[in-house]
Protein backbone atom coordinates (compact mmCIF):
# COMPACT_ATOMS: atom_id res chain seq x y z
CA MET A 1 132.37 61.67 3.91
CA MET A 2 128.32 62.02 2.89
CA GLU A 3 128.42 57.74 4.17
CA ILE A 4 130.37 59.16 7.54
CA LEU A 5 128.11 61.77 8.01
CA GLY A 6 124.98 59.39 7.97
CA SER A 7 123.66 61.14 4.97
CA THR A 8 123.26 58.28 2.63
CA PHE A 9 120.36 57.01 1.19
CA ASP A 10 118.61 53.59 1.01
CA ASP A 11 117.43 53.24 -2.60
CA SER A 12 114.35 50.44 -1.59
CA VAL A 13 113.00 53.88 0.15
CA PHE A 14 112.23 55.03 -3.05
CA GLU A 15 111.54 52.08 -5.15
CA GLU A 16 108.83 51.01 -2.83
CA SER A 17 107.09 54.62 -3.56
CA ARG A 18 107.60 53.92 -6.83
CA ASN A 19 105.92 51.01 -6.78
CA ARG A 20 103.17 51.54 -4.38
CA VAL A 21 100.00 51.38 -5.93
CA SER A 22 97.27 53.73 -4.05
CA GLY A 23 94.14 52.47 -2.53
CA ALA A 24 90.89 53.17 -4.96
CA LEU A 25 88.64 55.20 -3.00
CA PRO A 26 84.86 54.41 -2.45
CA ALA A 27 82.38 56.13 -4.84
CA TYR A 28 80.29 58.74 -3.86
CA GLU A 29 76.88 58.16 -3.77
CA PRO A 30 74.55 61.02 -2.68
CA LYS A 31 71.47 60.36 -1.20
CA LEU A 32 68.04 61.09 -3.76
CA CYS A 33 64.95 62.16 -2.15
CA GLU A 34 61.83 62.76 -4.23
CA PRO A 35 59.58 65.49 -3.79
CA LEU A 36 57.69 65.66 -0.69
CA TRP A 37 59.67 62.71 0.54
CA PHE A 38 58.91 63.22 4.10
CA CYS A 39 54.93 62.82 3.53
CA GLU A 40 55.22 59.35 2.24
CA ASP A 41 53.79 57.15 5.44
CA GLY A 42 56.04 54.30 6.82
CA ASN A 43 57.74 53.51 9.75
CA VAL A 44 61.16 55.51 10.21
CA GLU A 45 63.41 53.70 12.68
CA ASP A 46 65.82 55.95 12.69
CA PRO A 47 64.71 58.96 15.91
CA LEU A 48 66.90 61.39 14.01
CA GLU A 49 65.43 60.65 10.61
CA GLU A 50 61.76 60.97 12.03
CA GLN A 51 62.40 63.98 13.88
CA LYS A 52 63.43 65.59 10.84
CA THR A 53 60.41 64.03 8.59
CA LEU A 54 58.03 65.87 11.50
CA LYS A 55 59.78 68.93 11.44
CA PHE A 56 59.17 69.02 7.21
CA ARG A 57 55.54 68.15 7.79
CA GLY A 58 55.14 70.92 10.59
CA ASP A 59 56.81 73.54 7.78
CA LEU A 60 54.50 72.40 4.72
CA ALA A 61 51.53 72.31 6.97
CA TYR A 62 52.58 75.53 8.15
CA ARG A 63 53.18 77.17 4.42
CA ARG A 64 49.62 75.91 3.06
CA LYS A 65 48.29 77.54 6.54
CA GLN A 66 47.04 73.97 7.66
CA PHE A 67 47.84 75.34 11.55
CA GLN A 68 46.27 72.81 13.58
CA ALA A 69 47.90 69.79 11.44
CA ALA A 70 51.38 71.59 11.76
CA LEU A 71 51.21 72.16 15.22
CA ASP A 72 50.59 68.30 16.06
CA GLU A 73 53.58 67.91 13.81
CA TYR A 74 55.70 70.01 15.80
CA ARG A 75 54.25 68.65 19.28
CA PHE A 76 55.15 65.47 18.79
CA CYS A 77 58.59 66.33 16.98
CA LEU A 78 59.34 68.39 19.81
CA SER A 79 59.04 65.23 22.14
CA LEU A 80 61.53 63.50 19.95
CA ILE A 81 64.50 66.36 19.73
CA PRO A 82 67.48 65.47 22.55
CA ALA A 83 68.20 68.15 25.03
CA GLY A 84 71.25 68.64 23.31
CA ASN A 85 70.01 70.01 19.87
CA ILE A 86 68.97 73.32 21.22
CA SER A 87 68.94 75.05 17.20
CA VAL A 88 66.18 72.22 16.06
CA LYS A 89 64.12 72.48 19.31
CA ARG A 90 64.49 76.52 18.73
CA ASP A 91 62.74 76.16 15.38
CA VAL A 92 59.98 73.72 16.43
CA LEU A 93 58.96 75.85 19.63
CA GLU A 94 58.62 79.09 17.23
CA GLY A 95 56.84 77.29 14.80
CA ILE A 96 54.64 75.77 17.94
CA ALA A 97 54.39 79.55 19.05
CA ARG A 98 53.38 80.84 15.42
CA CYS A 99 50.57 77.70 14.84
CA CYS A 100 48.67 78.53 18.49
CA CYS A 101 48.80 82.32 17.66
CA HIS A 102 47.11 81.60 14.18
CA LEU A 103 44.82 79.24 15.79
CA GLY A 104 43.74 81.74 18.75
CA LYS A 105 45.80 80.20 21.44
CA LYS A 106 47.46 82.84 22.79
CA GLU A 107 48.30 81.61 25.94
CA GLU A 108 50.01 78.43 24.88
CA ALA A 109 51.72 80.70 22.08
CA LEU A 110 53.38 82.73 24.86
CA ASN A 111 53.98 79.90 26.99
CA ALA A 112 56.54 78.58 23.50
CA CYS A 113 57.69 81.74 23.55
CA GLU A 114 58.62 81.55 27.24
CA LYS A 115 60.62 78.07 26.91
CA LEU A 116 62.51 80.08 23.88
CA ARG A 117 63.66 82.55 26.90
CA THR A 118 65.02 79.78 28.66
CA GLU A 119 67.58 78.74 26.09
CA VAL A 120 68.31 82.33 25.07
CA SER A 121 72.27 82.44 25.05
CA ASN A 122 72.79 85.83 23.79
CA THR A 123 71.33 89.00 22.19
CA CYS A 124 70.57 87.69 18.87
CA HIS A 125 68.22 84.82 20.48
CA LEU A 126 66.72 87.17 22.91
CA THR A 127 65.96 89.68 19.80
CA CYS A 128 63.85 86.81 18.18
CA VAL A 129 62.22 85.92 21.00
CA LEU A 130 60.92 89.57 21.76
CA GLN A 131 60.05 89.73 18.10
CA LEU A 132 58.09 86.69 18.33
CA GLU A 133 56.06 87.66 21.60
CA LEU A 134 55.31 91.21 19.79
CA SER A 135 53.70 89.27 16.79
CA VAL A 136 51.69 87.53 19.02
CA HIS A 137 50.82 90.28 20.76
CA GLU A 138 49.50 92.07 17.75
CA HIS A 139 47.71 89.27 16.14
CA CYS A 140 45.70 88.87 19.28
CA ARG A 141 45.46 92.71 19.26
CA ASP A 142 46.94 93.29 22.92
CA LEU A 143 48.57 97.09 22.68
CA THR A 144 49.45 97.31 25.91
CA ASN A 145 51.82 94.20 25.89
CA SER A 146 52.76 94.72 22.03
CA ILE A 147 54.47 98.04 23.86
CA SER A 148 55.99 96.36 26.37
CA SER A 149 57.91 94.09 23.91
CA LEU A 150 58.69 97.17 21.68
CA GLN A 151 60.29 98.97 25.05
CA GLN A 152 62.37 95.96 25.81
CA LEU A 153 63.46 95.79 22.28
CA CYS A 154 64.41 99.56 22.49
CA CYS A 155 66.02 98.75 25.58
CA LEU A 156 68.45 96.25 23.70
CA HIS A 157 68.72 98.05 20.41
CA PRO A 158 68.59 101.38 21.46
CA TYR A 159 69.89 102.69 18.45
CA HIS A 160 67.46 100.80 15.93
CA PRO A 161 65.11 103.68 14.66
CA TRP A 162 62.24 101.35 13.70
CA TYR A 163 61.71 100.23 16.70
CA TRP A 164 61.41 103.64 18.27
CA LEU A 165 59.37 104.19 14.91
CA ASN A 166 57.12 101.16 15.54
CA LEU A 167 56.96 102.18 19.34
CA ALA A 168 55.68 105.78 18.68
CA MET A 169 53.16 104.38 16.27
CA SER A 170 51.67 101.85 18.99
CA PHE A 171 51.44 105.03 21.83
CA GLN A 172 49.35 106.96 19.08
CA ARG A 173 47.11 104.35 18.65
CA LEU A 174 46.60 103.78 22.10
CA LEU A 175 46.43 107.26 22.79
CA GLU A 176 43.35 107.39 19.58
CA SER A 177 41.95 104.26 21.25
CA ASP A 178 41.50 106.46 24.45
CA GLY A 179 39.63 108.74 22.25
CA CYS A 180 38.70 112.61 24.78
CA PRO A 181 37.84 112.51 28.15
CA ASP A 182 34.00 111.99 29.06
CA ARG A 183 32.52 115.39 29.86
CA CYS A 184 29.99 113.66 31.61
CA CYS A 185 32.14 111.73 34.35
CA THR A 186 33.18 113.26 37.70
CA GLU A 187 35.88 116.20 37.39
CA GLU A 188 38.15 113.70 38.90
CA GLU A 189 37.96 111.26 36.42
CA HIS A 190 37.78 113.70 33.64
CA ASP A 191 41.44 114.61 35.27
CA GLN A 192 42.57 111.02 35.62
CA GLN A 193 41.66 110.84 31.76
CA GLN A 194 43.18 114.20 30.60
CA GLY A 195 46.48 113.08 32.56
CA THR A 196 46.45 110.24 30.85
CA SER A 197 45.78 111.39 27.27
CA ASN A 198 48.91 113.60 27.89
CA ILE A 199 51.14 111.09 29.09
CA LEU A 200 50.45 109.04 25.83
CA GLN A 201 50.85 112.20 23.61
CA LEU A 202 54.05 113.09 25.27
CA LYS A 203 55.79 109.63 25.13
CA THR A 204 54.51 109.28 21.40
CA ILE A 205 55.86 112.43 21.03
CA MET A 206 59.37 111.08 22.87
CA CYS A 207 59.78 108.18 20.50
CA LEU A 208 59.15 110.17 17.34
CA ILE A 209 62.09 112.70 18.16
CA ARG A 210 64.26 109.84 19.40
CA THR A 211 63.18 107.99 15.56
CA ARG A 212 64.27 111.54 13.73
CA LEU A 213 67.59 111.57 15.75
CA LEU A 214 68.46 108.19 15.05
CA ILE A 215 67.50 108.37 11.31
CA GLU A 216 69.33 111.62 10.76
CA ILE A 217 72.64 110.37 12.05
CA LEU A 218 72.26 106.95 10.71
CA GLN A 219 71.15 108.25 6.71
CA ILE A 220 74.48 110.05 6.41
CA GLN A 221 75.86 106.21 5.48
CA GLN A 222 72.47 105.27 3.95
CA PHE A 223 72.39 105.37 -0.05
CA SER A 224 69.52 104.13 -2.63
CA PHE A 225 66.35 102.64 -1.25
CA VAL A 226 67.53 102.51 2.21
CA LEU A 227 68.38 106.45 2.02
CA GLU A 228 64.79 107.04 0.35
CA ASN A 229 63.04 104.59 3.33
CA SER A 230 64.29 107.12 5.88
CA GLN A 231 63.39 109.96 4.21
CA ARG A 232 60.18 109.19 3.71
CA ALA A 233 60.04 108.19 7.42
CA LEU A 234 61.61 111.62 8.10
CA GLN A 235 58.15 112.90 6.44
CA ASP A 236 56.00 110.48 8.13
CA ILE A 237 57.44 111.90 11.90
CA GLU A 238 56.98 115.40 10.82
CA GLU A 239 53.35 114.68 9.82
CA ALA A 240 52.43 113.02 13.24
CA LEU A 241 53.94 115.63 15.35
CA HIS A 242 52.25 118.29 13.16
CA VAL A 243 49.10 116.25 14.34
CA LEU A 244 50.40 115.93 18.03
CA GLN A 245 51.09 119.84 18.08
CA PRO A 246 53.79 120.06 20.73
CA THR A 247 54.99 123.65 21.90
CA GLU A 248 58.13 124.50 20.93
CA LYS A 249 59.43 124.30 24.57
CA MET A 250 58.33 120.87 24.90
CA LEU A 251 60.47 119.66 21.34
CA GLN A 252 63.76 121.30 22.92
CA THR A 253 63.41 119.32 26.26
CA VAL A 254 62.35 116.19 24.88
CA SER A 255 65.08 116.45 22.01
CA GLU A 256 67.18 117.61 24.53
CA VAL A 257 66.53 114.10 26.77
CA MET A 258 66.41 111.59 23.87
CA ALA A 259 69.71 113.26 22.45
CA GLU A 260 72.08 112.56 25.21
CA ASP A 261 73.35 109.17 24.41
CA LEU A 262 73.52 109.73 20.45
CA ASN A 263 76.94 110.15 20.59
CA PRO A 264 78.28 108.08 16.84
CA GLU A 265 81.37 106.74 19.13
CA LYS A 266 79.08 105.40 21.84
CA MET A 267 76.50 103.76 19.62
CA ARG A 268 79.45 101.79 18.12
CA GLU A 269 80.78 100.71 21.17
CA GLU A 270 77.74 99.85 22.32
CA ASN A 271 76.58 97.30 19.82
CA GLN A 272 75.11 94.25 21.58
CA ASP A 273 74.81 92.03 18.05
CA GLY A 274 75.25 88.49 19.20
CA GLU A 275 76.56 89.45 22.51
CA SER A 276 76.54 86.81 25.20
CA LEU A 277 73.61 87.91 28.22
CA SER A 278 76.00 86.53 30.58
CA GLY A 279 76.81 89.59 32.64
CA LEU A 280 75.29 91.80 30.10
CA TYR A 281 73.40 94.93 32.07
CA ILE A 282 70.26 96.31 30.23
CA LYS A 283 68.61 99.59 31.37
CA GLU A 284 64.71 99.27 31.76
CA PHE A 285 62.92 101.40 29.56
CA ASP A 286 61.67 104.02 31.82
CA ASP A 287 64.67 103.89 34.00
CA ARG A 288 66.68 104.80 30.81
CA TRP A 289 64.43 107.51 29.27
CA TRP A 290 60.96 107.95 30.40
CA ASN A 291 61.89 108.79 33.89
CA LYS A 292 64.54 111.09 32.96
CA LEU A 293 62.57 113.18 30.63
CA ARG A 294 59.35 112.76 33.33
CA THR A 295 61.63 114.57 35.60
CA LYS A 296 62.90 117.36 33.15
CA MET A 297 59.19 117.69 32.23
CA GLN A 298 58.12 118.64 35.58
CA GLU A 299 60.41 121.56 36.06
CA ASP A 300 58.92 122.96 32.78
CA THR A 301 55.21 122.02 33.52
CA LEU A 302 53.29 125.30 33.12
CA TYR A 303 55.50 125.80 29.67
CA LEU A 304 54.54 122.35 28.35
CA TYR A 305 50.81 122.31 29.20
CA PRO A 306 49.33 125.66 29.66
CA CYS A 307 45.97 124.76 29.09
CA THR A 308 45.85 121.42 31.01
CA ASP A 309 43.85 121.87 34.12
CA LEU A 310 45.44 118.41 35.91
CA TRP A 311 49.19 120.10 35.18
CA ARG A 312 48.42 123.13 36.77
CA ARG A 313 46.38 121.48 39.46
CA GLN A 314 48.50 118.39 40.40
CA LYS A 315 51.80 119.59 38.89
CA CYS A 316 51.97 116.87 36.60
CA THR A 317 51.54 114.02 38.50
CA PHE A 318 52.55 111.36 36.18
CA ILE A 319 50.89 107.94 35.56
CA ASN A 320 52.59 104.98 34.87
């Protein structure tokens, strides 16, 4: 019956499997490299191997703070990188930007940052470019452009408290660098200086309040040293606000405006880490926060700056 149904087996199938000799796999021999092998002089015929060698040499020189030597290696390496190897190209361009920054070549450093922008494909890449630009501006003590980079980072990551705190500190440094209005200047110039100082003060308060609101929301889920860092930051914010001496009316108004989008559910939905930039719309800093606060402040001008001539006379003419 089994034969009729075609279920018989040929014994030769089993004999063959028992007698089959499996082929031996070739022995794996890992490549062994001596320490600093890439520093050895010699002709490298493989372009990929030459690219690696130059990249490692540049990294080592940068670590040793030999920035010109590192820059030379990075530049040569960049010329060998294939168009499709975007990840290595980003690393090398970042190395070029940092070397130029240390060598005082600000424009060349920013040009490298601009080339990195053309390769950006998601929010993580854009964040890295903005942080690199920020480090270049800070190294060159360019406070105005540092603020611009921080504002872009706040727009990209609106619920990141440390970007807001850094922005507040930058506004405060700019406020301190401007100093008090010069009494020897004309009345119009004095009013202009006073108005600028008032705006910087308000922007500093705005960012401090935003930071405080964010930390208060996030610290519910924090523990250990992370929670300690948040608590220290809150103390620093209170001290900074005490120095600035905002009125209760101002604090209330700023808190209302800066808390409008701080809904925990919305904060989770708007998490943009790693999101593609195609179709992503990022509202500018002024449109999202400053203009809204400015409009609200204009309604309460006399309550916020009762002793400021410019505020009374010009009805809070803001200077961007």
